[in-house]
Amino acid sequence: MLNYFLPKNIYWLLFALLGIAYVAGLFVPLLDNDSAHHGNIALHMYLTGDYVQLIDEGKDYLDKPHLHFWLAALSYHVFGVTTFAYKFPSLVFTIFGLYSTYRLGKSLYSNEVGKLAALMLASAFAFILANNDVRMEAILTASIAFATWQLVDWVKRKWFINALGAGLGLALAFCTKGLIGVFVPATGAFFYIVYKKNWTAFYHWQLFLIVVSFFIFISPVLYCYYLQYDLHPEKMVRGKTGWSGVKFILWQQTFERYEGKNFGGAGNKDYFFFFHSFLWAFAPWSVVAYIAFINGLKNLLSRKNEWLTAGTFLIMAAVITFSGFKLPHYINIIFPSAAVMTSAYVIELVKKPTTLRRVHVTQLVVCILCILVALVINLWAFPIKNWLVIFAALALIAVSVAILRALKTRVGKMLGLSVLTTAFIFFLLNTNFYMQLLSYQAGNELALKTRAKVDPKTVYLWPSLYNPSFQFYSKELKKVYNDSVLQQNQPVWIVTDRHSLRQLKEKNLPILQQYSHHDYNIGTMSLPFINPATRVQTLDTIFLTRVK
């Protein structure tokens, strides 16, 4: 029993310590990639009141559906345009996803498996990162977990409420990122039905209810795509006209990504991408998860364990491996199933002391390596300077030691150490590393530095410059500079980098006033940047210059 090796009070204490790291991440500035980019699409909704069209820097945005942007814009109305407001909906869905994973584990195995699965999911590295560098993944993963739980309960009981819940969960996932959100839980449900030999599920009348409710729930997104694209075939997107938004989101989007079309084919030749990405993304549980997966494959024919988790893991690993476009955060969608699979395996280890000892040693090595890397980052690359952070880190270490001493069993110590490792690492990352790292992202720093000094309505970006964090933190839609703005009867400020500043000077524009901040593309960190001795050599500069 789980309570035997992980007492209830310590279980909740571990969740609380992880919660501190999650909350700290709510205040880490948005990165100059998808986070700030998505935040600005929601900002356009908030400022214009247009919640139908997805607009990216004045252009139609086709790639992803509306739910994430709607939630962020709604949050802006409640909390203002802030980092916290953008990230808060994802945290709410994360909690919802953890509960759904608990219920999934409980439905497939037991209450103990469900609780441990939720704890494993909450402490997985990339799952926490999805609440820091916020894209669609937190909302998508939670929706997939909910849909899978509802489908499993529907297969078991054929309850009307579970059929509606399944339709809602599938719709939430679809409205976040398209058909991939439907494919993952549907794959799991297929394997579960075959495992249970519950053939009536394939033609039960409530299956029709699931499909109908799904289309009813996604109808707002389909209607918005219809209004933006189907009614306007003249719109030029990706160099061509004649787009059907409904057809795109229902069909083309998923296959374009799988084939790598229009996305640059990132990682398409790396056939070990899933293997090495999952190793860090699901850390500190990834090695145990691989062992659990192999064990699950061995038990397929004997039907000793359910097929949903191992089957989902296998199919999605194959899909991602052979996809023409791969990014690490795509792997998050299998985390609920992986957590349940790993949890069930670890609980079974109580009956196998020899195997348990080996897994314990493996986890000990993984945790030590992760902590060493975190210490190198936070003591050498970006040394902690805030005494409050130092004091809190020491307090966390003291509490961790007390928890480990209170745990008496080998499996309890293994679980406790793994979760505490994640809590400690991400506390340091979110309170120190990311805060220092984002100080090298000029967009947010420059916007905050000049907030009370420069009216953002008078600021224009040089045509070649892409800086979404400046837009977000200035709370203003992007305006691109052209010579005609000089005819306006108001000051004119221009954002440039070093290269475009030279172009500005070549136009003989006067430099009446100027602010600047060092800048680095932190999405592509290199060793020279990480090394404090050579960091300055890697930096560019972003300028905010008044020319009128």
Protein backbone atom coordinates (compact mmCIF):
# COMPACT_ATOMS: atom_id res chain seq x y z
CA MET A 1 0.00 0.00 0.00
CA LEU A 2 1.21 3.52 -0.82
CA ASN A 3 0.47 4.80 2.70
CA TYR A 4 2.92 2.20 4.00
CA PHE A 5 5.94 3.77 2.32
CA LEU A 6 4.69 7.34 1.73
CA PRO A 7 2.62 8.68 4.65
CA LYS A 8 -0.24 11.00 3.78
CA ASN A 9 1.22 14.05 5.53
CA ILE A 10 4.55 13.70 3.70
CA TYR A 11 2.72 13.11 0.44
CA TRP A 12 0.98 16.49 0.74
CA LEU A 13 4.15 18.16 1.97
CA LEU A 14 5.92 17.03 -1.20
CA PHE A 15 3.13 18.54 -3.29
CA ALA A 16 3.42 21.77 -1.30
CA LEU A 17 7.18 22.01 -1.91
CA LEU A 18 6.63 21.45 -5.62
CA GLY A 19 3.92 24.10 -5.46
CA ILE A 20 6.47 26.68 -4.29
CA ALA A 21 8.51 26.08 -7.43
CA TYR A 22 5.40 26.30 -9.62
CA VAL A 23 4.29 29.60 -8.05
CA ALA A 24 7.80 31.06 -8.38
CA GLY A 25 7.66 30.29 -12.10
CA LEU A 26 4.54 32.45 -12.49
CA PHE A 27 6.71 35.55 -12.18
CA VAL A 28 9.54 34.61 -14.54
CA PRO A 29 9.31 36.97 -17.57
CA LEU A 30 8.09 35.56 -20.88
CA LEU A 31 10.74 34.25 -23.23
CA ASP A 32 11.25 35.79 -26.67
CA ASN A 33 9.83 32.74 -28.42
CA ASP A 34 6.40 31.14 -28.35
CA SER A 35 5.56 32.47 -24.86
CA ALA A 36 5.81 36.18 -25.70
CA HIS A 37 4.52 35.48 -29.21
CA HIS A 38 1.37 33.77 -27.92
CA GLY A 39 0.99 36.42 -25.24
CA ASN A 40 0.86 39.08 -27.96
CA ILE A 41 -1.84 37.25 -29.95
CA ALA A 42 -3.95 37.27 -26.77
CA LEU A 43 -2.95 40.92 -26.26
CA HIS A 44 -4.43 41.75 -29.67
CA MET A 45 -7.72 40.18 -28.55
CA TYR A 46 -7.63 42.10 -25.29
CA LEU A 47 -6.86 45.50 -26.85
CA THR A 48 -9.14 45.26 -29.89
CA GLY A 49 -12.02 43.20 -28.50
CA ASP A 50 -11.74 40.88 -31.52
CA TYR A 51 -11.91 37.34 -30.13
CA VAL A 52 -12.75 35.75 -33.48
CA GLN A 53 -9.62 36.40 -35.50
CA LEU A 54 -6.13 35.24 -34.53
CA ILE A 55 -3.76 38.05 -35.48
CA ASP A 56 0.02 37.85 -35.22
CA GLU A 57 1.80 41.19 -35.67
CA GLY A 58 -0.96 42.45 -37.92
CA LYS A 59 -1.13 39.28 -40.01
CA ASP A 60 -3.58 36.37 -39.96
CA TYR A 61 -2.37 33.53 -37.75
CA LEU A 62 -3.44 30.10 -38.97
CA ASP A 63 -1.33 27.62 -37.06
CA LYS A 64 -3.06 26.93 -33.71
CA PRO A 65 -6.66 27.19 -32.48
CA HIS A 66 -8.12 29.68 -30.03
CA LEU A 67 -8.47 28.24 -26.52
CA HIS A 68 -5.07 29.20 -25.11
CA PHE A 69 -5.40 32.74 -26.47
CA TRP A 70 -8.95 33.13 -25.18
CA LEU A 71 -7.92 32.06 -21.68
CA ALA A 72 -4.92 34.40 -21.65
CA ALA A 73 -7.01 37.35 -22.85
CA LEU A 74 -9.65 36.61 -20.22
CA SER A 75 -6.92 36.53 -17.58
CA TYR A 76 -5.68 39.95 -18.79
CA HIS A 77 -9.14 41.33 -18.06
CA VAL A 78 -8.94 40.02 -14.49
CA PHE A 79 -5.28 40.60 -13.61
CA GLY A 80 -4.05 43.08 -16.22
CA VAL A 81 -1.43 42.43 -18.90
CA THR A 82 1.24 40.79 -16.74
CA THR A 83 3.44 37.72 -16.69
CA PHE A 84 1.24 36.25 -13.96
CA ALA A 85 -1.94 36.82 -15.96
CA TYR A 86 -0.57 35.07 -19.03
CA LYS A 87 0.65 32.04 -17.08
CA PHE A 88 -2.19 31.67 -14.56
CA PRO A 89 -4.64 29.73 -16.82
CA SER A 90 -1.95 27.14 -17.52
CA LEU A 91 -1.39 26.63 -13.78
CA VAL A 92 -5.13 26.15 -13.24
CA PHE A 93 -5.21 23.54 -16.00
CA THR A 94 -2.09 21.90 -14.56
CA ILE A 95 -3.89 21.31 -11.25
CA PHE A 96 -6.87 20.00 -13.22
CA GLY A 97 -4.52 17.70 -15.16
CA LEU A 98 -2.92 16.36 -12.00
CA TYR A 99 -6.34 15.48 -10.60
CA SER A 100 -7.34 13.86 -13.90
CA THR A 101 -4.13 11.79 -13.88
CA TYR A 102 -4.90 10.68 -10.32
CA ARG A 103 -8.37 9.58 -11.40
CA LEU A 104 -6.97 7.84 -14.49
CA GLY A 105 -4.52 5.85 -12.36
CA LYS A 106 -7.29 5.05 -9.92
CA SER A 107 -9.57 3.80 -12.71
CA LEU A 108 -6.88 1.69 -14.35
CA TYR A 109 -5.30 0.32 -11.15
CA SER A 110 -5.97 1.68 -7.68
CA ASN A 111 -6.17 4.80 -5.55
CA GLU A 112 -2.51 4.32 -4.59
CA VAL A 113 -1.35 4.20 -8.21
CA GLY A 114 -3.38 7.30 -9.01
CA LYS A 115 -1.90 9.36 -6.18
CA LEU A 116 1.65 8.39 -6.99
CA ALA A 117 1.08 9.02 -10.71
CA ALA A 118 -0.10 12.56 -9.95
CA LEU A 119 3.01 13.15 -7.81
CA MET A 120 5.29 11.82 -10.55
CA LEU A 121 3.62 14.00 -13.16
CA ALA A 122 3.86 17.08 -10.95
CA SER A 123 7.61 16.52 -10.47
CA ALA A 124 8.51 15.78 -14.11
CA PHE A 125 10.94 18.40 -15.42
CA ALA A 126 9.19 19.34 -18.67
CA PHE A 127 5.79 19.38 -16.98
CA ILE A 128 7.02 22.14 -14.64
CA LEU A 129 8.72 23.91 -17.54
CA ALA A 130 5.35 24.03 -19.32
CA ASN A 131 4.21 26.35 -16.52
CA ASN A 132 7.30 28.53 -16.88
CA ASP A 133 7.90 28.77 -20.63
CA VAL A 134 4.15 28.72 -21.24
CA ARG A 135 2.91 27.57 -24.63
CA MET A 136 -0.05 25.23 -25.23
CA GLU A 137 1.41 22.18 -23.50
CA ALA A 138 0.09 22.61 -19.95
CA ILE A 139 -3.49 23.08 -21.15
CA LEU A 140 -3.14 20.37 -23.81
CA THR A 141 -1.64 17.77 -21.44
CA ALA A 142 -4.32 18.43 -18.82
CA SER A 143 -7.10 18.11 -21.41
CA ILE A 144 -5.62 14.84 -22.70
CA ALA A 145 -5.44 13.47 -19.14
CA PHE A 146 -9.07 14.43 -18.52
CA ALA A 147 -10.27 12.99 -21.83
CA THR A 148 -8.39 9.72 -21.25
CA TRP A 149 -9.82 9.36 -17.72
CA GLN A 150 -13.36 9.97 -18.98
CA LEU A 151 -12.95 7.52 -21.86
CA VAL A 152 -11.67 4.80 -19.52
CA ASP A 153 -14.56 5.32 -17.11
CA TRP A 154 -17.00 5.31 -20.03
CA VAL A 155 -15.63 2.02 -21.38
CA LYS A 156 -16.00 0.49 -17.90
CA ARG A 157 -19.47 1.80 -17.01
CA LYS A 158 -21.12 3.32 -20.12
CA TRP A 159 -22.34 6.23 -18.01
CA PHE A 160 -23.89 9.19 -19.81
CA ILE A 161 -21.84 11.70 -17.78
CA ASN A 162 -18.57 10.05 -18.82
CA ALA A 163 -19.59 10.18 -22.48
CA LEU A 164 -20.20 13.93 -22.17
CA GLY A 165 -16.98 14.32 -20.19
CA ALA A 166 -15.03 12.47 -22.90
CA GLY A 167 -16.50 14.74 -25.58
CA LEU A 168 -15.59 17.81 -23.52
CA GLY A 169 -12.05 16.62 -22.81
CA LEU A 170 -11.40 15.78 -26.45
CA ALA A 171 -12.80 19.17 -27.45
CA LEU A 172 -10.61 21.07 -24.97
CA ALA A 173 -7.55 19.28 -26.31
CA PHE A 174 -8.57 19.95 -29.91
CA CYS A 175 -9.29 23.63 -29.24
CA THR A 176 -5.80 23.94 -27.76
CA LYS A 177 -3.68 22.33 -30.48
CA GLY A 178 -5.76 20.49 -33.02
CA LEU A 179 -6.27 16.81 -33.83
CA ILE A 180 -3.20 15.59 -31.93
CA GLY A 181 -5.20 16.31 -28.76
CA VAL A 182 -7.84 13.86 -29.95
CA PHE A 183 -5.44 11.24 -31.29
CA VAL A 184 -3.62 10.59 -27.99
CA PRO A 185 -6.63 9.79 -25.75
CA ALA A 186 -8.36 7.95 -28.62
CA THR A 187 -5.27 5.75 -29.01
CA GLY A 188 -5.29 4.98 -25.31
CA ALA A 189 -9.00 4.19 -25.34
CA PHE A 190 -8.53 1.83 -28.30
CA PHE A 191 -5.85 -0.16 -26.48
CA TYR A 192 -7.98 -0.25 -23.34
CA ILE A 193 -11.03 -1.55 -25.20
CA VAL A 194 -8.99 -4.28 -26.88
CA TYR A 195 -7.39 -5.20 -23.55
CA LYS A 196 -10.79 -5.46 -21.85
CA LYS A 197 -12.32 -7.20 -24.92
CA ASN A 198 -15.18 -4.76 -24.49
CA TRP A 199 -16.18 -4.93 -28.14
CA THR A 200 -19.58 -3.32 -27.58
CA ALA A 201 -17.77 -0.03 -26.94
CA PHE A 202 -17.01 0.20 -30.66
CA TYR A 203 -20.70 0.36 -31.61
CA HIS A 204 -22.42 1.53 -28.41
CA TRP A 205 -24.95 4.32 -29.03
CA GLN A 206 -23.16 6.59 -26.54
CA LEU A 207 -20.12 6.61 -28.83
CA PHE A 208 -22.30 8.67 -31.15
CA LEU A 209 -22.98 10.99 -28.20
CA ILE A 210 -19.22 11.43 -27.64
CA VAL A 211 -18.72 12.37 -31.29
CA VAL A 212 -21.69 14.75 -31.40
CA SER A 213 -20.80 16.45 -28.11
CA PHE A 214 -17.21 16.81 -29.31
CA PHE A 215 -18.30 18.70 -32.43
CA ILE A 216 -20.73 20.83 -30.42
CA PHE A 217 -17.96 21.81 -28.00
CA ILE A 218 -15.47 22.65 -30.78
CA SER A 219 -18.05 24.56 -32.85
CA PRO A 220 -16.97 28.01 -31.53
CA VAL A 221 -13.42 27.41 -32.80
CA LEU A 222 -14.66 26.04 -36.15
CA TYR A 223 -16.97 29.03 -36.55
CA CYS A 224 -14.13 31.46 -35.85
CA TYR A 225 -11.94 29.74 -38.45
CA TYR A 226 -14.86 29.90 -40.89
CA LEU A 227 -15.33 33.63 -40.31
CA GLN A 228 -11.62 34.43 -40.58
CA TYR A 229 -10.73 32.28 -43.61
CA ASP A 230 -13.59 30.50 -45.36
CA LEU A 231 -15.49 33.77 -45.83
CA HIS A 232 -12.29 35.47 -47.03
CA PRO A 233 -10.58 33.19 -49.57
CA GLU A 234 -8.70 36.23 -50.85
CA LYS A 235 -6.53 36.35 -47.72
CA MET A 236 -2.86 35.68 -48.38
CA VAL A 237 -1.36 33.30 -45.78
CA ARG A 238 1.96 31.49 -46.23
CA GLY A 239 2.19 32.83 -49.74
CA LYS A 240 -1.14 31.55 -51.06
CA THR A 241 -4.85 32.32 -51.04
CA GLY A 242 -7.98 30.16 -50.94
CA TRP A 243 -7.59 28.84 -47.41
CA SER A 244 -10.42 26.97 -45.71
CA GLY A 245 -9.84 27.49 -42.00
CA VAL A 246 -12.26 24.70 -41.06
CA LYS A 247 -10.53 22.18 -43.33
CA PHE A 248 -7.13 23.30 -42.09
CA ILE A 249 -7.79 22.82 -38.38
CA LEU A 250 -9.79 19.61 -38.85
CA TRP A 251 -7.26 17.97 -41.14
CA GLN A 252 -4.35 19.82 -42.71
CA GLN A 253 -2.67 21.19 -39.58
CA THR A 254 -1.81 17.86 -38.00
CA PHE A 255 -0.48 16.31 -41.21
CA GLU A 256 1.51 19.42 -42.10
CA ARG A 257 3.32 19.16 -38.79
CA TYR A 258 3.86 15.43 -39.15
CA GLU A 259 5.30 15.89 -42.62
CA GLY A 260 7.31 18.95 -41.54
CA LYS A 261 5.70 21.20 -44.12
CA ASN A 262 5.95 24.94 -43.44
CA PHE A 263 7.82 24.29 -40.19
CA GLY A 264 11.37 23.82 -41.38
CA GLY A 265 11.58 20.11 -40.68
CA ALA A 266 13.27 20.63 -37.30
CA GLY A 267 14.87 17.38 -36.10
CA ASN A 268 13.35 15.30 -38.89
CA LYS A 269 16.48 13.14 -39.31
CA ASP A 270 17.06 12.55 -35.59
CA TYR A 271 15.52 9.11 -35.11
CA PHE A 272 16.68 9.01 -31.49
CA PHE A 273 14.92 12.30 -30.74
CA PHE A 274 12.20 10.75 -28.61
CA PHE A 275 14.63 8.61 -26.64
CA HIS A 276 17.02 11.36 -25.57
CA SER A 277 14.35 14.07 -25.22
CA PHE A 278 12.21 11.90 -22.96
CA LEU A 279 15.26 11.22 -20.78
CA TRP A 280 15.45 14.84 -19.63
CA ALA A 281 11.80 15.82 -20.15
CA PHE A 282 10.37 13.17 -17.81
CA ALA A 283 13.31 13.31 -15.40
CA PRO A 284 13.78 12.30 -12.68
CA TRP A 285 11.44 9.40 -13.58
CA SER A 286 12.48 8.76 -17.19
CA VAL A 287 14.81 5.79 -16.62
CA VAL A 288 12.22 4.06 -14.43
CA ALA A 289 9.57 4.88 -17.04
CA TYR A 290 11.62 3.12 -19.74
CA ILE A 291 11.97 0.09 -17.48
CA ALA A 292 8.23 0.16 -16.79
CA PHE A 293 7.53 0.38 -20.53
CA ILE A 294 9.71 -2.64 -21.31
CA ASN A 295 8.02 -4.52 -18.48
CA GLY A 296 4.63 -3.51 -19.90
CA LEU A 297 5.53 -4.84 -23.35
CA LYS A 298 6.54 -8.16 -21.82
CA ASN A 299 3.16 -8.43 -20.12
CA LEU A 300 1.06 -7.57 -23.16
CA LEU A 301 0.26 -11.12 -24.21
CA SER A 302 -0.30 -12.33 -20.67
CA ARG A 303 -2.73 -9.41 -20.07
CA LYS A 304 -1.23 -9.00 -16.62
CA ASN A 305 -1.50 -5.20 -16.84
CA GLU A 306 -3.70 -2.85 -18.87
CA TRP A 307 -2.58 -1.95 -22.38
CA LEU A 308 -3.54 1.73 -22.42
CA THR A 309 -0.38 3.25 -20.96
CA ALA A 310 2.22 1.09 -22.72
CA GLY A 311 0.23 1.22 -25.97
CA THR A 312 -0.03 5.02 -25.89
CA PHE A 313 3.68 5.30 -25.08
CA LEU A 314 4.61 2.98 -27.96
CA ILE A 315 2.42 4.62 -30.61
CA MET A 316 3.35 8.19 -29.67
CA ALA A 317 7.04 7.32 -29.51
CA ALA A 318 6.76 5.97 -33.06
CA VAL A 319 4.76 8.97 -34.29
CA ILE A 320 7.24 11.48 -32.84
CA THR A 321 10.25 9.47 -34.04
CA PHE A 322 9.12 9.47 -37.67
CA SER A 323 7.58 12.94 -37.65
CA GLY A 324 9.09 15.50 -40.01
CA PHE A 325 8.92 18.17 -37.30
CA LYS A 326 10.02 17.53 -33.73
CA LEU A 327 10.28 19.72 -30.65
CA PRO A 328 10.92 18.51 -27.07
CA HIS A 329 7.72 19.96 -25.60
CA TYR A 330 5.65 17.75 -27.95
CA ILE A 331 6.54 14.83 -25.68
CA ASN A 332 4.49 16.25 -22.78
CA ILE A 333 1.29 14.84 -24.25
CA ILE A 334 2.21 11.29 -23.16
CA PHE A 335 3.17 12.28 -19.61
CA PRO A 336 -0.17 11.32 -17.94
CA SER A 337 0.00 7.80 -19.40
CA ALA A 338 3.73 7.54 -18.65
CA ALA A 339 3.14 8.63 -15.05
CA VAL A 340 0.43 5.99 -14.50
CA MET A 341 2.57 3.31 -16.14
CA THR A 342 5.60 4.21 -14.01
CA SER A 343 3.58 4.51 -10.81
CA ALA A 344 2.03 1.05 -11.24
CA TYR A 345 5.47 -0.43 -11.87
CA VAL A 346 7.05 1.21 -8.80
CA ILE A 347 4.26 -0.01 -6.52
CA GLU A 348 4.79 -3.54 -7.83
CA LEU A 349 8.49 -3.23 -6.92
CA VAL A 350 7.60 -3.50 -3.23
CA LYS A 351 7.18 -7.23 -3.89
CA LYS A 352 10.59 -7.44 -5.64
CA PRO A 353 13.30 -6.27 -3.21
CA THR A 354 16.24 -7.06 -5.51
CA THR A 355 14.82 -5.09 -8.44
CA LEU A 356 13.75 -2.34 -6.08
CA ARG A 357 17.30 -1.97 -4.79
CA ARG A 358 18.63 -1.61 -8.34
CA VAL A 359 15.98 0.97 -9.25
CA HIS A 360 16.74 2.84 -6.02
CA VAL A 361 20.43 3.05 -6.94
CA THR A 362 19.48 4.22 -10.45
CA GLN A 363 17.28 6.98 -9.04
CA LEU A 364 20.01 7.98 -6.61
CA VAL A 365 22.49 8.39 -9.49
CA VAL A 366 19.95 10.34 -11.58
CA CYS A 367 19.14 12.69 -8.69
CA ILE A 368 22.81 13.32 -7.86
CA LEU A 369 23.61 14.13 -11.49
CA CYS A 370 20.64 16.50 -11.77
CA ILE A 371 21.57 18.29 -8.54
CA LEU A 372 25.19 18.65 -9.65
CA VAL A 373 24.11 20.26 -12.93
CA ALA A 374 21.77 22.60 -11.05
CA LEU A 375 24.57 23.60 -8.65
CA VAL A 376 26.96 24.32 -11.53
CA ILE A 377 24.32 26.56 -13.12
CA ASN A 378 23.41 28.39 -9.91
CA LEU A 379 26.86 28.64 -8.31
CA TRP A 380 29.12 29.15 -11.32
CA ALA A 381 27.22 30.23 -14.45
CA PHE A 382 24.63 32.40 -12.69
CA PRO A 383 25.67 32.55 -9.00
CA ILE A 384 22.92 33.31 -6.49
CA LYS A 385 23.09 36.92 -5.30
CA ASN A 386 19.80 37.25 -3.46
CA TRP A 387 20.17 36.43 0.24
CA LEU A 388 16.48 35.64 0.52
CA VAL A 389 16.85 32.96 -2.16
CA ILE A 390 19.92 31.56 -0.37
CA PHE A 391 18.05 31.41 2.94
CA ALA A 392 14.99 29.77 1.32
CA ALA A 393 17.20 27.21 -0.46
CA LEU A 394 18.91 26.28 2.82
CA ALA A 395 15.50 25.97 4.49
CA LEU A 396 14.35 23.71 1.65
CA ILE A 397 17.43 21.52 2.13
CA ALA A 398 16.71 21.27 5.87
CA VAL A 399 13.08 20.30 5.26
CA SER A 400 14.19 17.76 2.64
CA VAL A 401 16.60 16.12 5.06
CA ALA A 402 13.84 15.91 7.68
CA ILE A 403 11.46 14.31 5.18
CA LEU A 404 14.02 11.73 4.05
CA ARG A 405 14.79 10.85 7.67
CA ALA A 406 11.08 10.38 8.34
CA LEU A 407 10.73 7.93 5.45
CA LYS A 408 11.68 4.47 6.67
CA THR A 409 11.31 2.25 3.62
CA ARG A 410 13.58 2.01 0.59
CA VAL A 411 10.82 2.79 -1.87
CA GLY A 412 9.67 5.74 0.26
CA LYS A 413 13.17 7.21 0.34
CA MET A 414 13.50 6.70 -3.41
CA LEU A 415 10.25 8.53 -4.13
CA GLY A 416 10.97 11.26 -1.60
CA LEU A 417 14.46 11.90 -2.94
CA SER A 418 13.23 12.09 -6.52
CA VAL A 419 10.45 14.58 -5.80
CA LEU A 420 12.64 16.69 -3.50
CA THR A 421 15.33 16.81 -6.19
CA THR A 422 12.84 18.33 -8.61
CA ALA A 423 11.52 20.76 -5.99
CA PHE A 424 15.04 21.93 -5.11
CA ILE A 425 16.22 22.26 -8.73
CA PHE A 426 13.20 24.20 -9.95
CA PHE A 427 13.14 26.42 -6.89
CA LEU A 428 16.68 27.50 -7.80
CA LEU A 429 15.88 27.76 -11.51
CA ASN A 430 12.74 29.86 -11.04
CA THR A 431 14.03 32.14 -8.29
CA ASN A 432 17.61 32.60 -9.52
CA PHE A 433 18.64 31.16 -12.88
CA TYR A 434 15.70 32.28 -15.03
CA MET A 435 15.53 35.67 -13.33
CA GLN A 436 19.19 36.31 -14.17
CA LEU A 437 18.89 34.73 -17.61
CA LEU A 438 15.93 36.92 -18.58
CA SER A 439 17.93 40.01 -17.62
CA TYR A 440 19.84 39.31 -20.86
CA GLN A 441 16.64 39.49 -22.87
CA ALA A 442 16.49 43.14 -23.79
CA GLY A 443 12.83 43.33 -24.81
CA ASN A 444 11.30 42.91 -21.35
CA GLU A 445 14.12 44.81 -19.62
CA LEU A 446 13.93 47.80 -21.96
CA ALA A 447 10.12 47.97 -21.79
CA LEU A 448 10.17 47.97 -17.98
CA LYS A 449 13.07 50.44 -17.80
CA THR A 450 11.26 53.00 -19.96
CA ARG A 451 7.69 52.40 -18.82
CA ALA A 452 7.34 55.74 -17.02
CA LYS A 453 9.56 57.61 -19.48
CA VAL A 454 8.35 56.68 -22.96
CA ASP A 455 4.78 56.51 -24.23
CA PRO A 456 4.53 53.08 -25.93
CA LYS A 457 2.09 54.53 -28.46
CA THR A 458 4.99 56.53 -29.90
CA VAL A 459 7.31 53.50 -30.24
CA TYR A 460 7.98 51.74 -33.57
CA LEU A 461 10.11 48.69 -34.33
CA TRP A 462 12.63 48.76 -37.15
CA PRO A 463 11.22 46.64 -40.02
CA SER A 464 13.75 43.80 -39.65
CA LEU A 465 13.49 43.52 -35.86
CA TYR A 466 11.51 40.79 -34.09
CA ASN A 467 11.10 41.39 -30.38
CA PRO A 468 7.81 40.05 -28.98
CA SER A 469 8.78 40.51 -25.32
CA PHE A 470 9.11 44.28 -25.85
CA GLN A 471 5.62 44.37 -27.31
CA PHE A 472 4.16 42.36 -24.46
CA TYR A 473 5.72 44.33 -21.65
CA SER A 474 4.98 47.66 -23.32
CA LYS A 475 1.35 46.46 -23.55
CA GLU A 476 1.04 47.80 -27.06
CA LEU A 477 0.55 46.17 -30.46
CA LYS A 478 3.54 46.14 -32.79
CA LYS A 479 3.97 49.15 -35.05
CA VAL A 480 6.64 48.98 -37.75
CA TYR A 481 8.62 52.10 -38.56
CA ASN A 482 8.41 53.79 -41.96
CA ASP A 483 9.36 57.31 -42.92
CA SER A 484 5.74 58.50 -42.95
CA VAL A 485 5.50 58.34 -39.15
CA LEU A 486 7.86 61.33 -38.99
CA GLN A 487 5.00 63.46 -40.34
CA GLN A 488 2.99 62.87 -37.17
CA ASN A 489 2.81 65.62 -34.59
CA GLN A 490 4.25 63.56 -31.75
CA PRO A 491 7.59 62.07 -30.62
CA VAL A 492 8.89 59.07 -32.54
CA TRP A 493 10.90 56.31 -30.82
CA ILE A 494 12.45 53.44 -32.77
CA VAL A 495 13.58 50.04 -31.45
CA THR A 496 16.69 48.68 -33.19
CA ASP A 497 19.57 46.31 -32.67
CA ARG A 498 23.18 47.21 -33.51
CA HIS A 499 22.81 46.37 -37.18
CA SER A 500 19.59 48.27 -37.72
CA LEU A 501 20.91 51.21 -35.68
CA ARG A 502 23.54 51.64 -38.39
CA GLN A 503 20.76 51.63 -40.97
CA LEU A 504 18.93 54.28 -38.96
CA LYS A 505 22.05 56.47 -38.94
CA GLU A 506 22.46 55.99 -42.69
CA LYS A 507 19.07 57.64 -43.09
CA ASN A 508 20.53 60.66 -41.27
CA LEU A 509 17.89 60.46 -38.59
CA PRO A 510 18.87 62.45 -35.50
CA ILE A 511 19.49 60.65 -32.21
CA LEU A 512 17.79 62.94 -29.71
CA GLN A 513 17.57 60.51 -26.81
CA GLN A 514 18.48 56.86 -26.34
CA TYR A 515 18.07 53.93 -23.97
CA SER A 516 19.82 50.59 -24.44
CA HIS A 517 20.15 47.15 -22.91
CA HIS A 518 22.34 44.15 -23.69
CA ASP A 519 20.58 41.32 -25.49
CA TYR A 520 21.00 37.62 -26.18
CA ASN A 521 18.76 35.06 -27.85
CA ILE A 522 18.36 32.92 -24.75
CA GLY A 523 16.42 30.28 -26.67
CA THR A 524 19.71 29.17 -28.21
CA MET A 525 22.13 29.25 -25.29
CA SER A 526 25.75 28.44 -26.13
CA LEU A 527 28.70 27.53 -23.93
CA PRO A 528 30.41 30.93 -24.47
CA PHE A 529 27.24 32.61 -23.16
CA ILE A 530 26.90 30.26 -20.19
CA ASN A 531 30.55 30.86 -19.24
CA PRO A 532 30.65 34.13 -17.25
CA ALA A 533 34.18 34.86 -18.51
CA THR A 534 33.13 34.93 -22.17
CA ARG A 535 29.48 35.95 -21.89
CA VAL A 536 29.93 39.61 -22.74
CA GLN A 537 31.45 38.67 -26.10
CA THR A 538 28.21 36.97 -27.15
CA LEU A 539 25.89 39.89 -26.42
CA ASP A 540 24.11 42.18 -28.84
CA THR A 541 22.42 45.44 -27.79
CA ILE A 542 18.86 46.64 -28.29
CA PHE A 543 18.35 50.40 -28.55
CA LEU A 544 15.29 52.56 -28.01
CA THR A 545 16.05 55.79 -29.82
CA ARG A 546 14.04 59.00 -30.13
CA VAL A 547 14.45 60.51 -33.57
CA LYS A 548 11.77 63.17 -33.29
